[in-house]
Amino acid sequence: MSDSKWETSIGLMIVPQGGINLTDASEGFSNQSNVFAIFNVFNKEHTLTSFFSVKNTAGVAYAHDVLNICSNCSSYAVISKNVLGEGDYGGVGFTYSVGTSNLFAEVGYSLSGGNTSAYFGVFIPLITKTSKIKNKK
């Protein structure tokens, strides 16, 4: 990992999105919005985000620009679990930064449902606190 300074942030994230079940596309497109409580640990190159949604889903995402497509682009992997029932999920996606928000496209697989889906939307962060992590040597 990089020697750049690590920081943390905490806040909310609003995620309006659309999607389609690629396993059974006859269901057509769907749209939804979700609100997440998030905690980030990040530096210039890496971001680790833990989240909990109002739809009772907890998870973690790791973002890093592995493809180096453009300066505003990043790629990520995400895993989540529905806290109150079935709903394991894993996915990969790409983002394009626009101001403080990120447009995204994601493909994922529901372990409990056996469905592959594609999603697109925007991550809109409402960060309330940022602080630097002090390295002890």
N, C-alpha and C. Protein backbone atom coordinates (compact mmCIF):
# COMPACT_ATOMS: atom_id res chain seq x y z
N MET A 1 0.83 -1.18 0.00
CA MET A 1 0.00 0.00 0.00
C MET A 1 0.88 1.24 0.00
N SER A 2 0.26 2.33 -0.35
CA SER A 2 0.97 3.59 -0.49
C SER A 2 1.36 4.18 0.85
N ASP A 3 2.40 5.05 0.81
CA ASP A 3 2.82 5.75 2.01
C ASP A 3 2.01 7.01 2.26
N SER A 4 1.02 7.33 1.42
CA SER A 4 0.25 8.56 1.61
C SER A 4 -0.58 8.47 2.88
N LYS A 5 -0.95 9.63 3.40
CA LYS A 5 -1.67 9.73 4.67
C LYS A 5 -3.06 9.10 4.57
N TRP A 6 -3.40 8.35 5.58
CA TRP A 6 -4.72 7.74 5.67
C TRP A 6 -5.65 8.67 6.42
N GLU A 7 -6.92 8.71 6.00
CA GLU A 7 -7.94 9.53 6.64
C GLU A 7 -9.19 8.69 6.85
N THR A 8 -10.09 9.21 7.66
CA THR A 8 -11.38 8.56 7.88
C THR A 8 -12.49 9.58 7.64
N SER A 9 -13.66 9.08 7.31
CA SER A 9 -14.84 9.94 7.21
C SER A 9 -16.06 9.12 7.60
N ILE A 10 -17.07 9.82 8.04
CA ILE A 10 -18.33 9.18 8.43
C ILE A 10 -19.46 10.04 7.91
N GLY A 11 -20.56 9.43 7.55
CA GLY A 11 -21.67 10.21 7.04
C GLY A 11 -22.77 9.35 6.47
N LEU A 12 -23.56 9.96 5.60
CA LEU A 12 -24.66 9.29 4.93
C LEU A 12 -24.39 9.30 3.43
N MET A 13 -24.96 8.35 2.73
CA MET A 13 -24.85 8.32 1.28
C MET A 13 -26.23 7.96 0.72
N ILE A 14 -26.68 8.77 -0.23
CA ILE A 14 -27.94 8.52 -0.93
C ILE A 14 -27.58 7.88 -2.27
N VAL A 15 -28.31 6.80 -2.63
CA VAL A 15 -27.98 6.07 -3.87
C VAL A 15 -29.25 5.81 -4.68
N PRO A 16 -29.60 6.74 -5.59
CA PRO A 16 -30.65 6.41 -6.56
C PRO A 16 -30.04 5.53 -7.64
N GLN A 17 -30.77 4.48 -8.04
CA GLN A 17 -30.21 3.54 -9.01
C GLN A 17 -31.28 2.84 -9.80
N GLY A 18 -30.88 2.32 -10.94
CA GLY A 18 -31.72 1.47 -11.76
C GLY A 18 -31.02 0.14 -11.92
N GLY A 19 -31.76 -0.88 -12.31
CA GLY A 19 -31.13 -2.19 -12.47
C GLY A 19 -31.96 -3.13 -13.29
N ILE A 20 -31.32 -4.22 -13.69
CA ILE A 20 -32.02 -5.27 -14.43
C ILE A 20 -31.45 -6.62 -14.02
N ASN A 21 -32.32 -7.58 -13.86
CA ASN A 21 -31.94 -8.96 -13.55
C ASN A 21 -31.47 -9.59 -14.86
N LEU A 22 -30.18 -9.88 -14.96
CA LEU A 22 -29.64 -10.45 -16.19
C LEU A 22 -29.96 -11.93 -16.34
N THR A 23 -30.34 -12.60 -15.26
CA THR A 23 -30.72 -14.00 -15.31
C THR A 23 -32.11 -14.16 -15.92
N ASP A 24 -33.02 -13.21 -15.61
CA ASP A 24 -34.38 -13.21 -16.16
C ASP A 24 -34.76 -11.79 -16.52
N ALA A 25 -34.33 -11.35 -17.69
CA ALA A 25 -34.55 -9.96 -18.12
C ALA A 25 -36.01 -9.66 -18.42
N SER A 26 -36.88 -10.67 -18.43
CA SER A 26 -38.30 -10.43 -18.70
C SER A 26 -38.95 -9.57 -17.62
N GLU A 27 -38.32 -9.49 -16.45
CA GLU A 27 -38.83 -8.64 -15.38
C GLU A 27 -38.65 -7.16 -15.71
N GLY A 28 -37.77 -6.84 -16.67
CA GLY A 28 -37.54 -5.46 -17.07
C GLY A 28 -36.67 -4.70 -16.09
N PHE A 29 -36.59 -3.39 -16.32
CA PHE A 29 -35.77 -2.53 -15.46
C PHE A 29 -36.53 -2.17 -14.20
N SER A 30 -35.77 -1.98 -13.12
CA SER A 30 -36.35 -1.51 -11.87
C SER A 30 -35.58 -0.27 -11.43
N ASN A 31 -36.18 0.51 -10.57
CA ASN A 31 -35.44 1.63 -9.98
C ASN A 31 -35.76 1.69 -8.51
N GLN A 32 -34.82 2.21 -7.76
CA GLN A 32 -34.97 2.33 -6.32
C GLN A 32 -33.97 3.34 -5.80
N SER A 33 -34.19 3.79 -4.59
CA SER A 33 -33.21 4.64 -3.91
C SER A 33 -32.95 4.02 -2.55
N ASN A 34 -31.76 4.26 -2.05
CA ASN A 34 -31.38 3.71 -0.76
C ASN A 34 -30.56 4.76 -0.02
N VAL A 35 -30.58 4.68 1.30
CA VAL A 35 -29.79 5.57 2.14
C VAL A 35 -28.88 4.70 2.99
N PHE A 36 -27.60 5.05 3.03
CA PHE A 36 -26.60 4.28 3.76
C PHE A 36 -25.91 5.14 4.80
N ALA A 37 -25.66 4.57 5.97
CA ALA A 37 -24.70 5.14 6.92
C ALA A 37 -23.37 4.54 6.53
N ILE A 38 -22.33 5.40 6.36
CA ILE A 38 -21.05 4.91 5.86
C ILE A 38 -19.90 5.34 6.76
N PHE A 39 -18.85 4.52 6.76
CA PHE A 39 -17.59 4.84 7.43
C PHE A 39 -16.48 4.49 6.44
N ASN A 40 -15.66 5.47 6.09
CA ASN A 40 -14.59 5.29 5.11
C ASN A 40 -13.22 5.39 5.77
N VAL A 41 -12.30 4.58 5.30
CA VAL A 41 -10.87 4.71 5.58
C VAL A 41 -10.23 4.81 4.20
N PHE A 42 -9.46 5.89 3.96
CA PHE A 42 -9.00 6.13 2.60
C PHE A 42 -7.69 6.90 2.56
N ASN A 43 -7.03 6.83 1.41
CA ASN A 43 -5.90 7.68 1.07
C ASN A 43 -6.06 8.04 -0.41
N LYS A 44 -5.03 8.52 -1.05
CA LYS A 44 -5.14 8.93 -2.45
C LYS A 44 -5.49 7.79 -3.38
N GLU A 45 -5.11 6.56 -3.04
CA GLU A 45 -5.25 5.44 -3.96
C GLU A 45 -6.27 4.39 -3.55
N HIS A 46 -6.59 4.27 -2.27
CA HIS A 46 -7.43 3.18 -1.78
C HIS A 46 -8.55 3.73 -0.91
N THR A 47 -9.71 3.10 -1.00
CA THR A 47 -10.84 3.45 -0.12
C THR A 47 -11.49 2.15 0.36
N LEU A 48 -11.67 2.03 1.65
CA LEU A 48 -12.40 0.92 2.26
C LEU A 48 -13.62 1.52 2.94
N THR A 49 -14.80 1.09 2.52
CA THR A 49 -16.05 1.65 3.03
C THR A 49 -16.88 0.55 3.67
N SER A 50 -17.26 0.75 4.92
CA SER A 50 -18.26 -0.13 5.54
C SER A 50 -19.58 0.63 5.54
N PHE A 51 -20.68 -0.11 5.39
CA PHE A 51 -21.97 0.56 5.27
C PHE A 51 -23.09 -0.25 5.89
N PHE A 52 -24.16 0.48 6.24
CA PHE A 52 -25.41 -0.13 6.70
C PHE A 52 -26.54 0.65 6.07
N SER A 53 -27.47 -0.03 5.42
CA SER A 53 -28.55 0.67 4.72
C SER A 53 -29.84 0.64 5.53
N VAL A 54 -30.73 1.56 5.16
CA VAL A 54 -32.05 1.58 5.80
C VAL A 54 -32.87 0.36 5.43
N LYS A 55 -32.40 -0.41 4.44
CA LYS A 55 -33.06 -1.67 4.05
C LYS A 55 -32.43 -2.86 4.75
N ASN A 56 -31.74 -2.60 5.87
CA ASN A 56 -31.15 -3.63 6.73
C ASN A 56 -30.08 -4.49 6.04
N THR A 57 -29.24 -3.84 5.27
CA THR A 57 -28.13 -4.51 4.62
C THR A 57 -26.83 -3.92 5.14
N ALA A 58 -25.91 -4.79 5.53
CA ALA A 58 -24.58 -4.36 5.97
C ALA A 58 -23.56 -4.92 5.00
N GLY A 59 -22.48 -4.15 4.80
CA GLY A 59 -21.47 -4.65 3.88
C GLY A 59 -20.20 -3.82 3.89
N VAL A 60 -19.32 -4.18 2.97
CA VAL A 60 -18.05 -3.48 2.83
C VAL A 60 -17.71 -3.41 1.34
N ALA A 61 -17.07 -2.29 0.97
CA ALA A 61 -16.62 -2.11 -0.41
C ALA A 61 -15.16 -1.64 -0.39
N TYR A 62 -14.40 -2.10 -1.37
CA TYR A 62 -13.02 -1.67 -1.54
C TYR A 62 -12.88 -1.06 -2.92
N ALA A 63 -12.39 0.17 -2.98
CA ALA A 63 -12.23 0.87 -4.26
C ALA A 63 -10.76 1.21 -4.51
N HIS A 64 -10.34 1.00 -5.74
CA HIS A 64 -8.99 1.31 -6.18
C HIS A 64 -9.01 1.33 -7.70
N ASP A 65 -8.33 2.28 -8.30
CA ASP A 65 -8.34 2.36 -9.75
C ASP A 65 -7.35 1.37 -10.36
N VAL A 66 -7.75 0.12 -10.46
CA VAL A 66 -6.86 -0.91 -10.97
C VAL A 66 -6.66 -0.83 -12.48
N LEU A 67 -7.63 -0.26 -13.19
CA LEU A 67 -7.53 -0.18 -14.64
C LEU A 67 -6.86 1.09 -15.13
N ASN A 68 -6.80 2.12 -14.30
CA ASN A 68 -6.15 3.39 -14.63
C ASN A 68 -6.67 3.94 -15.96
N ILE A 69 -7.99 3.96 -16.12
CA ILE A 69 -8.63 4.43 -17.35
C ILE A 69 -8.58 5.96 -17.45
N CYS A 70 -8.94 6.64 -16.37
CA CYS A 70 -8.94 8.10 -16.38
C CYS A 70 -8.75 8.60 -14.95
N SER A 71 -8.45 9.88 -14.81
CA SER A 71 -8.17 10.43 -13.47
C SER A 71 -9.42 10.48 -12.59
N ASN A 72 -10.61 10.50 -13.18
CA ASN A 72 -11.85 10.56 -12.40
C ASN A 72 -12.51 9.19 -12.25
N CYS A 73 -11.86 8.14 -12.71
CA CYS A 73 -12.45 6.79 -12.69
C CYS A 73 -11.88 5.95 -11.55
N SER A 74 -12.67 4.99 -11.12
CA SER A 74 -12.22 4.04 -10.12
C SER A 74 -12.98 2.73 -10.33
N SER A 75 -12.46 1.66 -9.79
CA SER A 75 -13.16 0.38 -9.81
C SER A 75 -13.31 -0.08 -8.37
N TYR A 76 -14.28 -0.94 -8.13
CA TYR A 76 -14.53 -1.39 -6.75
C TYR A 76 -15.12 -2.79 -6.74
N ALA A 77 -15.01 -3.40 -5.57
CA ALA A 77 -15.66 -4.68 -5.28
C ALA A 77 -16.49 -4.49 -4.02
N VAL A 78 -17.63 -5.12 -3.96
CA VAL A 78 -18.53 -4.94 -2.82
C VAL A 78 -19.12 -6.29 -2.41
N ILE A 79 -19.28 -6.50 -1.11
CA ILE A 79 -20.02 -7.64 -0.58
C ILE A 79 -20.98 -7.12 0.47
N SER A 80 -22.15 -7.75 0.55
CA SER A 80 -23.14 -7.31 1.54
C SER A 80 -24.00 -8.49 1.98
N LYS A 81 -24.68 -8.28 3.08
CA LYS A 81 -25.54 -9.31 3.67
C LYS A 81 -26.77 -8.63 4.25
N ASN A 82 -27.94 -9.15 3.95
CA ASN A 82 -29.15 -8.66 4.58
C ASN A 82 -29.14 -9.13 6.03
N VAL A 83 -29.30 -8.20 6.94
CA VAL A 83 -29.18 -8.50 8.37
C VAL A 83 -30.36 -9.32 8.89
N LEU A 84 -31.56 -9.09 8.36
CA LEU A 84 -32.76 -9.73 8.89
C LEU A 84 -33.22 -10.96 8.12
N GLY A 85 -32.55 -11.30 7.04
CA GLY A 85 -32.98 -12.46 6.27
C GLY A 85 -31.96 -12.83 5.23
N GLU A 86 -32.42 -13.56 4.21
CA GLU A 86 -31.53 -13.94 3.13
C GLU A 86 -31.23 -12.74 2.26
N GLY A 87 -30.09 -12.76 1.63
CA GLY A 87 -29.74 -11.66 0.75
C GLY A 87 -28.26 -11.39 0.67
N ASP A 88 -27.45 -12.43 0.48
CA ASP A 88 -26.01 -12.25 0.30
C ASP A 88 -25.76 -11.74 -1.12
N TYR A 89 -24.80 -10.83 -1.26
CA TYR A 89 -24.54 -10.22 -2.57
C TYR A 89 -23.06 -9.92 -2.72
N GLY A 90 -22.55 -10.09 -3.93
CA GLY A 90 -21.19 -9.69 -4.27
C GLY A 90 -21.19 -9.07 -5.64
N GLY A 91 -20.40 -8.01 -5.82
CA GLY A 91 -20.39 -7.35 -7.11
C GLY A 91 -19.10 -6.60 -7.38
N VAL A 92 -18.94 -6.19 -8.62
CA VAL A 92 -17.83 -5.34 -9.03
C VAL A 92 -18.40 -4.21 -9.85
N GLY A 93 -17.73 -3.05 -9.78
CA GLY A 93 -18.25 -1.92 -10.52
C GLY A 93 -17.19 -0.90 -10.84
N PHE A 94 -17.62 0.10 -11.57
CA PHE A 94 -16.76 1.21 -11.98
C PHE A 94 -17.47 2.51 -11.69
N THR A 95 -16.72 3.52 -11.31
CA THR A 95 -17.29 4.83 -11.02
C THR A 95 -16.59 5.91 -11.85
N TYR A 96 -17.32 7.01 -12.03
CA TYR A 96 -16.77 8.21 -12.64
C TYR A 96 -17.18 9.37 -11.75
N SER A 97 -16.18 10.08 -11.20
CA SER A 97 -16.44 11.17 -10.27
C SER A 97 -16.94 12.41 -10.98
N VAL A 98 -18.00 13.00 -10.41
CA VAL A 98 -18.55 14.27 -10.87
C VAL A 98 -18.73 15.11 -9.61
N GLY A 99 -17.79 16.02 -9.35
CA GLY A 99 -17.83 16.77 -8.09
C GLY A 99 -17.58 15.82 -6.94
N THR A 100 -18.46 15.84 -5.94
CA THR A 100 -18.32 14.93 -4.80
C THR A 100 -19.10 13.63 -4.99
N SER A 101 -19.89 13.54 -6.06
CA SER A 101 -20.68 12.34 -6.34
C SER A 101 -19.97 11.44 -7.34
N ASN A 102 -20.43 10.20 -7.44
CA ASN A 102 -19.84 9.23 -8.36
C ASN A 102 -20.94 8.51 -9.14
N LEU A 103 -20.90 8.63 -10.46
CA LEU A 103 -21.76 7.82 -11.31
C LEU A 103 -21.19 6.40 -11.28
N PHE A 104 -22.07 5.39 -11.28
CA PHE A 104 -21.54 4.02 -11.21
C PHE A 104 -22.29 3.07 -12.12
N ALA A 105 -21.59 2.01 -12.50
CA ALA A 105 -22.16 0.85 -13.19
C ALA A 105 -21.60 -0.37 -12.48
N GLU A 106 -22.47 -1.32 -12.18
CA GLU A 106 -22.07 -2.47 -11.35
C GLU A 106 -22.74 -3.74 -11.86
N VAL A 107 -22.03 -4.84 -11.77
CA VAL A 107 -22.59 -6.16 -12.04
C VAL A 107 -22.36 -7.00 -10.80
N GLY A 108 -23.42 -7.70 -10.36
CA GLY A 108 -23.28 -8.49 -9.15
C GLY A 108 -24.11 -9.75 -9.18
N TYR A 109 -23.87 -10.59 -8.18
CA TYR A 109 -24.52 -11.89 -8.08
C TYR A 109 -25.12 -12.06 -6.70
N SER A 110 -26.38 -12.45 -6.64
CA SER A 110 -27.05 -12.75 -5.39
C SER A 110 -26.83 -14.22 -5.06
N LEU A 111 -26.09 -14.47 -3.98
CA LEU A 111 -25.80 -15.86 -3.60
C LEU A 111 -27.06 -16.60 -3.18
N SER A 112 -27.97 -15.92 -2.49
CA SER A 112 -29.18 -16.59 -2.02
C SER A 112 -30.22 -16.74 -3.13
N GLY A 113 -30.27 -15.79 -4.06
CA GLY A 113 -31.26 -15.84 -5.12
C GLY A 113 -30.76 -16.46 -6.40
N GLY A 114 -29.45 -16.56 -6.56
CA GLY A 114 -28.88 -17.14 -7.76
C GLY A 114 -29.02 -16.27 -9.00
N ASN A 115 -29.22 -14.97 -8.81
CA ASN A 115 -29.42 -14.06 -9.93
C ASN A 115 -28.21 -13.18 -10.16
N THR A 116 -27.92 -12.93 -11.42
CA THR A 116 -26.91 -11.94 -11.80
C THR A 116 -27.66 -10.70 -12.26
N SER A 117 -27.24 -9.54 -11.76
CA SER A 117 -27.92 -8.29 -12.08
C SER A 117 -26.91 -7.21 -12.44
N ALA A 118 -27.40 -6.21 -13.17
CA ALA A 118 -26.59 -5.04 -13.51
C ALA A 118 -27.30 -3.81 -12.94
N TYR A 119 -26.52 -2.88 -12.42
CA TYR A 119 -27.05 -1.67 -11.80
C TYR A 119 -26.32 -0.45 -12.34
N PHE A 120 -26.98 0.66 -12.35
CA PHE A 120 -26.36 1.94 -12.69
C PHE A 120 -27.03 3.02 -11.85
N GLY A 121 -26.28 4.04 -11.49
CA GLY A 121 -26.85 5.09 -10.66
C GLY A 121 -25.79 6.07 -10.23
N VAL A 122 -26.01 6.68 -9.07
CA VAL A 122 -25.07 7.68 -8.55
C VAL A 122 -24.94 7.54 -7.04
N PHE A 123 -23.70 7.56 -6.55
CA PHE A 123 -23.41 7.61 -5.12
C PHE A 123 -23.32 9.09 -4.74
N ILE A 124 -24.20 9.54 -3.85
CA ILE A 124 -24.20 10.93 -3.41
C ILE A 124 -23.85 10.96 -1.93
N PRO A 125 -22.58 11.24 -1.59
CA PRO A 125 -22.17 11.22 -0.18
C PRO A 125 -22.52 12.52 0.54
N LEU A 126 -22.95 12.38 1.77
CA LEU A 126 -23.18 13.51 2.66
C LEU A 126 -22.26 13.29 3.86
N ILE A 127 -20.99 13.62 3.69
CA ILE A 127 -19.96 13.35 4.70
C ILE A 127 -20.05 14.41 5.79
N THR A 128 -20.04 13.94 7.03
CA THR A 128 -20.17 14.87 8.16
C THR A 128 -18.87 15.11 8.90
N LYS A 129 -17.92 14.19 8.80
CA LYS A 129 -16.69 14.33 9.59
C LYS A 129 -15.55 13.63 8.87
N THR A 130 -14.43 14.32 8.77
CA THR A 130 -13.21 13.73 8.21
C THR A 130 -12.06 13.99 9.17
N SER A 131 -11.23 12.98 9.39
CA SER A 131 -10.07 13.17 10.25
C SER A 131 -8.90 12.34 9.73
N LYS A 132 -7.70 12.76 10.04
CA LYS A 132 -6.50 12.05 9.61
C LYS A 132 -6.15 10.98 10.65
N ILE A 133 -5.61 9.87 10.19
CA ILE A 133 -5.15 8.82 11.08
C ILE A 133 -3.69 9.08 11.36
N LYS A 134 -3.34 9.13 12.63
CA LYS A 134 -1.95 9.38 13.02
C LYS A 134 -1.20 8.07 13.07
N ASN A 135 -0.09 8.02 12.34
CA ASN A 135 0.75 6.83 12.33
C ASN A 135 1.71 6.88 13.52
N LYS A 136 1.75 5.82 14.29
CA LYS A 136 2.69 5.73 15.41
C LYS A 136 3.91 4.97 14.94
N LYS A 137 5.06 5.54 15.18
CA LYS A 137 6.31 4.86 14.75
C LYS A 137 7.18 4.57 15.93
